[in-house]
N, C-alpha and C. Protein backbone atom coordinates (compact mmCIF):
# COMPACT_ATOMS: atom_id res chain seq x y z
N MET A 1 -0.51 -4.93 -15.13
CA MET A 1 0.10 -3.73 -15.59
C MET A 1 1.30 -3.48 -15.16
N ASN A 2 1.97 -3.22 -16.04
CA ASN A 2 3.52 -2.04 -15.55
C ASN A 2 3.61 -0.72 -15.39
N ASN A 3 4.35 -0.10 -14.69
CA ASN A 3 4.16 1.40 -14.06
C ASN A 3 3.95 1.93 -15.49
N LYS A 4 4.54 1.77 -16.55
CA LYS A 4 4.99 2.55 -17.90
C LYS A 4 3.25 2.59 -18.46
N ASP A 5 2.69 1.68 -18.40
CA ASP A 5 1.05 1.15 -18.64
C ASP A 5 0.10 2.44 -17.80
N PHE A 6 0.93 1.87 -16.33
CA PHE A 6 -0.16 2.98 -15.67
C PHE A 6 0.09 3.96 -15.86
N VAL A 7 1.42 4.66 -16.22
CA VAL A 7 1.50 6.16 -16.04
C VAL A 7 0.28 6.84 -17.65
N ASN A 8 0.86 5.68 -18.54
CA ASN A 8 0.30 6.11 -19.75
C ASN A 8 -1.31 6.34 -19.32
N THR A 9 -2.26 5.46 -18.99
CA THR A 9 -3.59 5.16 -18.61
C THR A 9 -3.84 6.25 -17.88
N LEU A 10 -3.38 6.86 -17.07
CA LEU A 10 -3.63 8.00 -16.32
C LEU A 10 -3.37 8.99 -16.76
N ALA A 11 -2.41 8.99 -17.53
CA ALA A 11 -2.20 10.33 -18.75
C ALA A 11 -3.22 10.63 -19.54
N SER A 12 -3.69 9.40 -19.79
CA SER A 12 -4.55 9.70 -21.62
C SER A 12 -6.58 10.09 -20.41
N GLN A 13 -6.48 9.63 -19.28
CA GLN A 13 -7.77 9.62 -19.01
C GLN A 13 -7.53 10.88 -18.26
N SER A 14 -6.50 11.22 -17.47
CA SER A 14 -6.17 12.65 -16.85
C SER A 14 -6.41 14.30 -17.75
N GLY A 15 -5.89 13.52 -19.16
CA GLY A 15 -5.47 15.07 -20.16
C GLY A 15 -4.52 15.69 -19.53
N LEU A 16 -3.65 14.91 -18.83
CA LEU A 16 -2.24 15.57 -18.63
C LEU A 16 -1.02 14.60 -19.73
N SER A 17 0.10 15.46 -19.09
CA SER A 17 1.37 14.88 -20.19
C SER A 17 1.48 13.94 -19.63
N LEU A 18 2.43 12.83 -20.05
CA LEU A 18 3.16 12.20 -19.40
C LEU A 18 4.37 12.34 -18.45
N LYS A 19 4.62 13.89 -18.49
CA LYS A 19 5.53 14.46 -17.57
C LYS A 19 5.15 14.69 -16.32
N GLU A 20 4.15 15.36 -16.76
CA GLU A 20 2.79 15.79 -15.22
C GLU A 20 2.71 14.74 -14.40
N THR A 21 2.22 13.53 -14.75
CA THR A 21 1.41 12.64 -14.72
C THR A 21 2.60 12.06 -13.81
N LYS A 22 3.76 12.36 -13.86
CA LYS A 22 4.76 11.14 -13.62
C LYS A 22 4.77 11.76 -12.25
N ARG A 23 5.00 13.52 -12.69
CA ARG A 23 5.48 14.14 -11.48
C ARG A 23 4.20 13.91 -10.35
N LEU A 24 2.96 14.01 -11.03
CA LEU A 24 1.70 13.82 -10.02
C LEU A 24 2.06 12.95 -9.17
N ILE A 25 2.39 10.79 -9.44
CA ILE A 25 2.53 9.99 -8.76
C ILE A 25 3.79 10.12 -8.08
N GLU A 26 4.86 10.44 -8.57
CA GLU A 26 6.17 10.60 -7.66
C GLU A 26 5.67 11.64 -6.18
N GLU A 27 4.75 12.71 -6.37
CA GLU A 27 4.70 13.04 -5.59
C GLU A 27 3.59 12.96 -4.38
N PHE A 28 2.99 12.13 -5.36
CA PHE A 28 1.85 11.31 -3.70
C PHE A 28 2.34 10.42 -3.42
N ILE A 29 3.49 9.71 -3.95
CA ILE A 29 4.71 8.32 -3.41
C ILE A 29 5.23 8.94 -2.30
N GLN A 30 5.72 10.18 -2.34
CA GLN A 30 6.68 11.12 -1.56
C GLN A 30 5.63 11.35 -0.59
N GLU A 31 4.41 11.88 -0.37
CA GLU A 31 3.75 12.16 0.36
C GLU A 31 3.17 11.10 1.31
N PHE A 32 3.07 9.72 0.90
CA PHE A 32 2.14 8.53 1.32
C PHE A 32 3.78 8.21 1.62
N ALA A 33 4.94 7.96 1.72
CA ALA A 33 6.25 7.94 2.27
C ALA A 33 6.12 8.82 3.63
N ASP A 34 5.93 9.69 3.40
CA ASP A 34 6.20 10.97 4.36
C ASP A 34 5.17 10.36 5.87
N HIS A 35 4.07 9.97 5.22
CA HIS A 35 2.88 9.81 6.57
C HIS A 35 3.48 8.57 7.11
N ALA A 36 4.02 7.35 6.24
CA ALA A 36 4.68 6.11 6.80
C ALA A 36 5.33 6.30 7.58
N ASP A 37 6.30 7.21 7.31
CA ASP A 37 7.45 7.70 8.14
C ASP A 37 7.01 7.96 9.79
N ASP A 38 6.36 9.36 9.52
CA ASP A 38 5.81 9.66 10.59
C ASP A 38 5.04 8.56 11.86
N GLY A 39 4.47 7.32 10.90
CA GLY A 39 3.95 6.56 11.91
C GLY A 39 1.87 6.67 11.96
N THR A 40 1.78 7.56 10.82
CA THR A 40 0.32 8.26 10.93
C THR A 40 -0.34 7.75 10.15
N SER A 41 -1.79 7.42 10.12
CA SER A 41 -2.58 6.64 9.25
C SER A 41 -2.70 7.47 7.77
N PHE A 42 -3.05 6.84 6.71
CA PHE A 42 -3.34 7.59 5.44
C PHE A 42 -4.00 7.49 4.35
N THR A 43 -5.27 7.87 4.61
CA THR A 43 -6.38 7.74 3.80
C THR A 43 -6.86 8.15 2.78
N VAL A 44 -6.86 7.59 1.15
CA VAL A 44 -7.50 7.64 0.29
C VAL A 44 -9.06 7.29 0.16
N GLN A 45 -9.44 8.54 0.01
CA GLN A 45 -11.01 8.17 -0.41
C GLN A 45 -11.17 7.90 -1.10
N GLY A 46 -12.35 6.31 -1.02
CA GLY A 46 -13.17 5.71 -2.03
C GLY A 46 -11.91 4.86 -2.31
N PHE A 47 -10.65 4.25 -1.94
CA PHE A 47 -9.80 3.45 -1.90
C PHE A 47 -9.70 2.82 -0.68
N GLY A 48 -9.24 3.37 0.53
CA GLY A 48 -8.90 2.85 1.68
C GLY A 48 -7.70 3.39 2.81
N THR A 49 -7.34 2.73 3.62
CA THR A 49 -6.21 3.43 4.72
C THR A 49 -5.23 2.87 4.63
N PHE A 50 -4.06 3.16 4.73
CA PHE A 50 -2.63 2.58 5.26
C PHE A 50 -2.26 2.86 6.35
N GLU A 51 -2.12 2.24 7.20
CA GLU A 51 -1.16 2.46 8.49
C GLU A 51 -0.13 1.74 9.05
N VAL A 52 0.51 2.52 9.83
CA VAL A 52 1.80 1.70 10.36
C VAL A 52 1.51 1.07 11.48
N LYS A 53 2.01 -0.20 11.93
CA LYS A 53 1.47 -1.09 12.98
C LYS A 53 2.85 -1.58 13.69
N LYS A 54 2.68 -1.73 14.81
CA LYS A 54 4.22 -2.49 15.73
C LYS A 54 3.70 -4.01 16.21
N LYS A 55 4.77 -4.54 15.13
CA LYS A 55 4.29 -5.98 15.52
C LYS A 55 5.65 -6.17 17.04
N LEU A 56 5.27 -7.19 18.06
CA LEU A 56 5.80 -7.41 19.16
C LEU A 56 6.79 -8.64 18.45
N GLU A 57 7.84 -8.37 19.70
CA GLU A 57 9.05 -9.35 19.22
C GLU A 57 7.97 -10.36 19.95
N ARG A 58 8.66 -11.65 19.21
CA ARG A 58 8.06 -12.96 19.81
C ARG A 58 9.35 -13.95 18.96
N ILE A 59 8.72 -15.08 19.27
CA ILE A 59 9.72 -16.38 19.42
C ILE A 59 8.97 -17.67 18.95
N VAL A 60 9.95 -17.70 17.65
CA VAL A 60 9.77 -18.64 16.66
C VAL A 60 10.40 -20.14 16.48
N ASN A 61 9.92 -20.95 16.28
CA ASN A 61 11.00 -22.30 16.07
C ASN A 61 10.77 -22.37 14.76
N ASN A 62 11.91 -22.86 14.33
CA ASN A 62 12.64 -23.36 12.76
C ASN A 62 12.30 -24.85 12.76
N PRO A 63 11.47 -25.18 11.93
CA PRO A 63 10.61 -26.38 11.67
C PRO A 63 11.78 -27.34 11.25
N THR A 64 12.87 -26.64 10.90
CA THR A 64 13.96 -28.05 10.42
C THR A 64 14.93 -28.06 11.68
N THR A 65 15.37 -27.32 12.54
CA THR A 65 16.38 -27.65 13.35
C THR A 65 15.90 -27.73 14.69
N LYS A 66 14.78 -27.32 14.94
CA LYS A 66 14.06 -27.05 16.07
C LYS A 66 14.48 -26.44 16.79
N GLN A 67 15.28 -25.20 16.52
CA GLN A 67 16.01 -24.08 16.91
C GLN A 67 14.73 -23.18 17.55
N ARG A 68 14.88 -22.68 18.71
CA ARG A 68 14.20 -21.36 18.70
C ARG A 68 14.90 -20.09 18.67
N MET A 69 14.19 -19.07 18.64
CA MET A 69 14.62 -17.80 17.46
C MET A 69 13.96 -16.66 18.30
N LEU A 70 14.54 -15.84 18.82
CA LEU A 70 13.90 -14.06 18.96
C LEU A 70 13.70 -13.48 17.66
N VAL A 71 12.61 -12.92 17.28
CA VAL A 71 12.18 -12.06 16.41
C VAL A 71 12.22 -10.87 16.79
N PRO A 72 12.79 -10.10 16.53
CA PRO A 72 12.95 -8.61 16.99
C PRO A 72 11.74 -7.81 16.59
N PRO A 73 11.04 -6.50 17.77
CA PRO A 73 9.86 -5.62 16.82
C PRO A 73 10.13 -5.36 16.00
N LYS A 74 8.97 -4.95 14.71
CA LYS A 74 9.28 -4.44 13.62
C LYS A 74 7.87 -3.34 13.35
N LEU A 75 7.70 -2.90 12.48
CA LEU A 75 6.94 -1.76 12.52
C LEU A 75 6.30 -2.56 10.80
N VAL A 76 5.24 -2.48 10.26
CA VAL A 76 4.31 -3.14 9.17
C VAL A 76 3.21 -2.10 8.70
N LEU A 77 3.82 -1.89 7.08
CA LEU A 77 2.66 -1.34 6.80
C LEU A 77 1.27 -2.04 6.79
N SER A 78 0.23 -1.40 7.41
CA SER A 78 -1.24 -2.15 6.81
C SER A 78 -2.09 -1.56 6.19
N PHE A 79 -3.42 -2.17 5.17
CA PHE A 79 -4.28 -1.88 4.23
C PHE A 79 -5.30 -2.11 4.72
N ARG A 80 -6.55 -0.88 5.14
CA ARG A 80 -7.71 -1.54 4.69
C ARG A 80 -8.62 -1.29 3.68
N PRO A 81 -9.32 -1.98 3.32
CA PRO A 81 -9.97 -1.29 1.96
C PRO A 81 -11.59 -0.68 2.27
N GLY A 82 -11.99 0.33 1.43
CA GLY A 82 -12.13 1.19 1.80
C GLY A 82 -13.46 0.80 1.35
N SER A 83 -14.80 0.99 1.76
CA SER A 83 -16.40 -0.19 1.37
C SER A 83 -16.76 0.13 0.00
N SER A 84 -16.05 1.19 -0.54
CA SER A 84 -16.51 1.30 -1.81
C SER A 84 -15.74 0.60 -2.79
N LEU A 85 -14.23 0.30 -2.04
CA LEU A 85 -13.49 -0.79 -2.89
C LEU A 85 -14.15 -1.99 -2.59
N LYS A 86 -14.37 -2.09 -1.85
CA LYS A 86 -14.96 -3.90 -1.10
C LYS A 86 -16.04 -4.09 -2.52
N ASP A 87 -16.81 -2.91 -2.71
CA ASP A 87 -18.00 -3.13 -3.29
C ASP A 87 -17.71 -3.66 -4.59
N ARG A 88 -16.85 -2.75 -5.38
CA ARG A 88 -16.43 -2.74 -6.20
C ARG A 88 -15.49 -4.00 -6.82
N ILE A 89 -14.99 -4.74 -6.02
CA ILE A 89 -14.42 -5.82 -5.66
C ILE A 89 -15.75 -7.30 -6.22
N LYS A 90 -16.60 -6.66 -5.29
CA LYS A 90 -17.00 -8.12 -4.86
C LYS A 90 -18.19 -7.93 -6.54
N VAL A 91 -18.58 -6.76 -6.71
CA VAL A 91 -19.28 -6.98 -8.21
C VAL A 91 -18.48 -7.45 -9.03
N GLY A 92 -16.93 -7.39 -9.20
CA GLY A 92 -16.32 -7.72 -10.58
C GLY A 92 -15.92 -8.78 -10.63
N ALA A 93 -16.32 -9.99 -9.10
CA ALA A 93 -15.82 -11.03 -8.87
C ALA A 93 -17.10 -11.69 -8.90
N SER A 94 -18.41 -11.32 -9.48
CA SER A 94 -19.74 -12.04 -9.46
C SER A 94 -19.39 -12.20 -11.11
N GLU A 95 -19.31 -11.37 -11.55
CA GLU A 95 -19.51 -11.54 -13.27
C GLU A 95 -18.88 -12.51 -13.85
């Protein structure tokens, strides 16, 4: 499903116009990005939790050149699915 299909499906299910649906999706994404920038977790009830985690610096080896390199610390976005989403996936996989 691409973005256009997603917007069309959501608009038809909600009864909103395409323009209103696009605006709501953009506002949701903006709010989501603001929480990610703050470093706070963001929970969508019935879906899961997004949180920003800090990965420590580490030393890696290039397998081709055998050269060791230092990878600097960075922030990554992680997702933990909620229990209802896990259950839906398990039921869908067994069918």
